[in-house]
Amino acid sequence: MEVHALPMPRVSGSGFIPKHSAKNLTETKDFNLIGLERHLVEQARFKQKITQEKEVEEKNRHFKPIKLPGTTFEPGNLPKPVTRHSTVPLNISSRTKERAFQREIFDSNVAKRKEQKKENERIESLKRKAEFDKITQELRKMPACNGGHMFIARPITRSFGKRTKIAPPKPLTQPKSPDFATEKRALFRNHTKRL
């Protein structure tokens, strides 16, 4: 497949003719930027600061020490140290066996007290239970009207008075059995089947 480009338009035949403008051309001027001058000034100031610090460091490196003041020290007039007897160490006794024996006695006494306490609690519980059972037995023997637990029924009185018959205001309804007519329906059903 070939591609054919479109032809260029004819400018000369369209009536467009470039003309010179009557306006003057713009004259360019250089910008007055002081960035370079400020950079040079700061660079010179920084170099001066570095040289001053180097001079101070070199000056501090070479110093002369101050002389010590005069003294009245004489080595021959020193006082002699006080002589003391050497310390005699004491015999260390840990007393572990004695303390273990005392601990064993203490533990046995505590165990006896605990057993005695449990026995006293058991005896007290038995006493309370016996007293409760005794009170319960007494309450079971007492009648209920006196605050006990025993129920005594009241005697039934057999003395009845004379009875009088009272007629009802309306006559009683006489019950009747329903008439389901099952035999009649059965006979009618059989008769219709035969027909």
Protein backbone atom coordinates (compact mmCIF):
# COMPACT_ATOMS: atom_id res chain seq x y z
CA MET A 1 0.00 0.00 0.00
CA GLU A 2 1.44 3.39 -1.02
CA VAL A 3 1.00 6.59 1.01
CA HIS A 4 0.61 9.87 -0.86
CA ALA A 5 1.24 13.11 1.04
CA LEU A 6 -0.99 16.08 0.51
CA PRO A 7 0.54 18.91 -1.51
CA MET A 8 1.65 22.10 0.21
CA PRO A 9 -0.74 25.04 -0.07
CA ARG A 10 0.24 27.90 -2.35
CA VAL A 11 0.89 31.00 -0.27
CA SER A 12 1.75 33.29 -3.13
CA GLY A 13 -1.53 32.82 -4.87
CA SER A 14 -3.63 33.38 -1.74
CA GLY A 15 -2.94 37.08 -1.52
CA PHE A 16 -0.69 37.04 1.64
CA ILE A 17 2.29 39.37 1.26
CA PRO A 18 4.54 40.10 4.30
CA LYS A 19 5.07 43.80 5.04
CA HIS A 20 7.54 45.74 7.21
CA SER A 21 6.03 47.03 10.50
CA ALA A 22 6.25 50.70 11.36
CA LYS A 23 7.00 49.92 15.05
CA ASN A 24 10.55 50.13 16.36
CA LEU A 25 12.30 46.96 17.45
CA THR A 26 12.60 46.21 21.18
CA GLU A 27 16.02 46.96 22.58
CA THR A 28 17.30 44.48 25.19
CA LYS A 29 19.05 45.57 28.37
CA ASP A 30 21.17 43.54 30.78
CA PHE A 31 19.71 42.82 34.22
CA ASN A 32 21.58 44.40 37.14
CA LEU A 33 22.01 41.24 39.27
CA ILE A 34 24.25 41.55 42.35
CA GLY A 35 24.34 37.82 43.12
CA LEU A 36 27.89 37.34 41.84
CA GLU A 37 29.23 40.30 43.84
CA ARG A 38 27.54 39.06 47.02
CA HIS A 39 29.00 35.61 46.44
CA LEU A 40 32.51 37.00 46.13
CA VAL A 41 32.08 39.11 49.29
CA GLU A 42 30.83 36.14 51.34
CA GLN A 43 33.62 33.93 50.02
CA ALA A 44 36.27 36.47 51.08
CA ARG A 45 34.64 36.83 54.52
CA PHE A 46 34.60 33.05 55.00
CA LYS A 47 38.30 32.76 54.09
CA GLN A 48 39.14 35.53 56.58
CA LYS A 49 37.21 33.68 59.32
CA ILE A 50 39.11 30.45 58.61
CA THR A 51 42.48 32.20 58.80
CA GLN A 52 41.55 33.82 62.13
CA GLU A 53 40.54 30.46 63.63
CA LYS A 54 43.81 28.92 62.46
CA GLU A 55 45.79 31.72 64.09
CA VAL A 56 43.93 31.28 67.41
CA GLU A 57 44.48 27.51 67.30
CA GLU A 58 48.20 27.94 66.59
CA LYS A 59 48.50 30.46 69.44
CA ASN A 60 46.78 28.15 71.92
CA ARG A 61 49.03 25.27 70.96
CA HIS A 62 52.18 27.01 72.25
CA PHE A 63 51.68 28.05 75.89
CA LYS A 64 53.96 28.49 78.92
CA PRO A 65 52.89 26.86 82.21
CA ILE A 66 52.67 28.97 85.37
CA LYS A 67 55.28 28.23 87.99
CA LEU A 68 54.21 26.57 91.24
CA PRO A 69 54.33 28.67 94.38
CA GLY A 70 56.98 28.07 97.00
CA THR A 71 56.40 25.34 99.63
CA THR A 72 57.73 24.50 103.11
CA PHE A 73 57.59 20.77 102.59
CA GLU A 74 60.45 18.83 104.15
CA PRO A 75 60.62 15.07 103.68
CA GLY A 76 62.37 14.42 107.03
CA ASN A 77 59.64 15.92 109.25
CA LEU A 78 56.78 13.60 108.24
CA PRO A 79 54.85 12.03 111.18
CA LYS A 80 55.24 8.31 111.61
CA PRO A 81 52.12 6.22 111.03
CA VAL A 82 50.38 4.71 114.07
CA THR A 83 51.15 1.04 114.51
CA ARG A 84 48.10 -1.16 115.04
CA HIS A 85 47.67 -4.81 115.74
CA SER A 86 46.48 -6.98 112.90
CA THR A 87 42.77 -7.87 112.91
CA VAL A 88 42.03 -11.39 114.06
CA PRO A 89 39.15 -12.96 112.09
CA LEU A 90 36.32 -14.51 114.10
CA ASN A 91 35.13 -18.05 113.63
CA ILE A 92 31.94 -17.96 111.53
CA SER A 93 29.16 -20.27 112.72
CA SER A 94 26.01 -20.45 110.58
CA ARG A 95 24.04 -22.42 113.20
CA THR A 96 22.07 -24.12 110.46
CA LYS A 97 21.48 -27.27 112.49
CA GLU A 98 20.16 -25.36 115.51
CA ARG A 99 17.88 -23.26 113.36
CA ALA A 100 16.62 -26.32 111.49
CA PHE A 101 15.84 -28.03 114.82
CA GLN A 102 13.98 -24.94 116.07
CA ARG A 103 12.04 -24.83 112.81
CA GLU A 104 11.08 -28.47 113.16
CA ILE A 105 9.80 -27.85 116.71
CA PHE A 106 7.83 -24.81 115.52
CA ASP A 107 6.26 -26.77 112.65
CA SER A 108 5.24 -29.61 114.96
CA ASN A 109 3.61 -27.14 117.41
CA VAL A 110 1.70 -25.48 114.55
CA ALA A 111 0.51 -28.87 113.29
CA LYS A 112 -0.71 -29.80 116.80
CA ARG A 113 -2.60 -26.52 117.10
CA LYS A 114 -4.26 -27.08 113.73
CA GLU A 115 -5.30 -30.62 114.69
CA GLN A 116 -6.66 -29.37 118.03
CA LYS A 117 -8.60 -26.64 116.24
CA LYS A 118 -10.11 -29.13 113.79
CA GLU A 119 -11.08 -31.46 116.67
CA ASN A 120 -12.73 -28.59 118.57
CA GLU A 121 -14.67 -27.58 115.46
CA ARG A 122 -15.83 -31.17 114.92
CA ILE A 123 -16.99 -31.46 118.58
CA GLU A 124 -18.83 -28.13 118.31
CA SER A 125 -20.55 -29.24 115.09
CA LEU A 126 -21.64 -32.51 116.74
CA LYS A 127 -23.03 -30.58 119.71
CA ARG A 128 -24.96 -28.21 117.45
CA LYS A 129 -26.35 -31.13 115.44
CA ALA A 130 -27.47 -32.94 118.64
CA GLU A 131 -29.20 -29.80 119.91
CA PHE A 132 -30.90 -29.27 116.54
CA ASP A 133 -32.09 -32.90 116.45
CA LYS A 134 -33.43 -32.60 119.99
CA ILE A 135 -35.36 -29.42 119.16
CA THR A 136 -36.70 -31.02 115.97
CA GLN A 137 -37.97 -34.07 117.89
CA GLU A 138 -39.71 -31.82 120.41
CA LEU A 139 -41.34 -29.78 117.63
CA ARG A 140 -42.56 -32.96 115.90
CA LYS A 141 -44.33 -34.02 119.10
CA MET A 142 -46.01 -30.62 119.56
CA PRO A 143 -49.28 -29.87 117.70
CA ALA A 144 -49.32 -27.28 114.96
CA CYS A 145 -51.64 -24.96 116.89
CA ASN A 146 -48.93 -24.60 119.56
CA GLY A 147 -46.13 -23.96 117.04
CA GLY A 148 -45.15 -27.60 116.47
CA HIS A 149 -44.97 -29.78 113.37
CA MET A 150 -47.66 -32.37 114.27
CA PHE A 151 -50.98 -31.89 112.50
CA ILE A 152 -54.07 -33.05 114.43
CA ALA A 153 -57.32 -33.22 112.47
CA ARG A 154 -60.48 -31.88 114.04
CA PRO A 155 -63.19 -34.49 114.87
CA ILE A 156 -66.18 -34.66 112.56
CA THR A 157 -69.51 -33.94 114.25
CA ARG A 158 -72.19 -36.55 113.46
CA SER A 159 -75.15 -34.55 114.75
CA PHE A 160 -77.11 -33.43 111.70
CA GLY A 161 -80.32 -31.45 111.90
CA LYS A 162 -83.57 -32.13 110.08
CA ARG A 163 -83.34 -31.83 106.35
CA THR A 164 -86.09 -30.09 104.35
CA LYS A 165 -86.54 -30.64 100.65
CA ILE A 166 -86.59 -27.46 98.59
CA ALA A 167 -88.31 -27.63 95.21
CA PRO A 168 -86.34 -26.09 92.33
CA PRO A 169 -87.84 -22.98 90.69
CA LYS A 170 -87.77 -24.68 87.23
CA PRO A 171 -88.47 -28.30 86.34
CA LEU A 172 -85.36 -30.41 85.68
CA THR A 173 -84.44 -31.22 82.09
CA GLN A 174 -85.02 -34.85 81.12
CA PRO A 175 -82.14 -36.14 78.97
CA LYS A 176 -82.93 -37.81 75.65
CA SER A 177 -80.69 -39.88 73.43
CA PRO A 178 -80.05 -38.45 69.95
CA ASP A 179 -81.70 -40.09 66.95
CA PHE A 180 -78.90 -40.51 64.39
CA ALA A 181 -81.04 -42.71 62.03
CA THR A 182 -78.04 -44.79 61.01
CA GLU A 183 -80.17 -47.78 60.05
CA LYS A 184 -82.41 -45.70 57.82
CA ARG A 185 -79.42 -44.17 56.01
CA ALA A 186 -77.83 -47.57 55.55
CA LEU A 187 -81.00 -49.02 54.01
CA PHE A 188 -81.39 -46.00 51.74
CA ARG A 189 -77.74 -46.31 50.60
CA ASN A 190 -78.11 -50.02 49.81
CA HIS A 191 -81.31 -49.36 47.91
CA THR A 192 -79.72 -46.67 45.76
CA LYS A 193 -76.75 -48.94 44.93
CA ARG A 194 -79.07 -51.66 43.64
CA LEU A 195 -80.80 -49.23 41.36
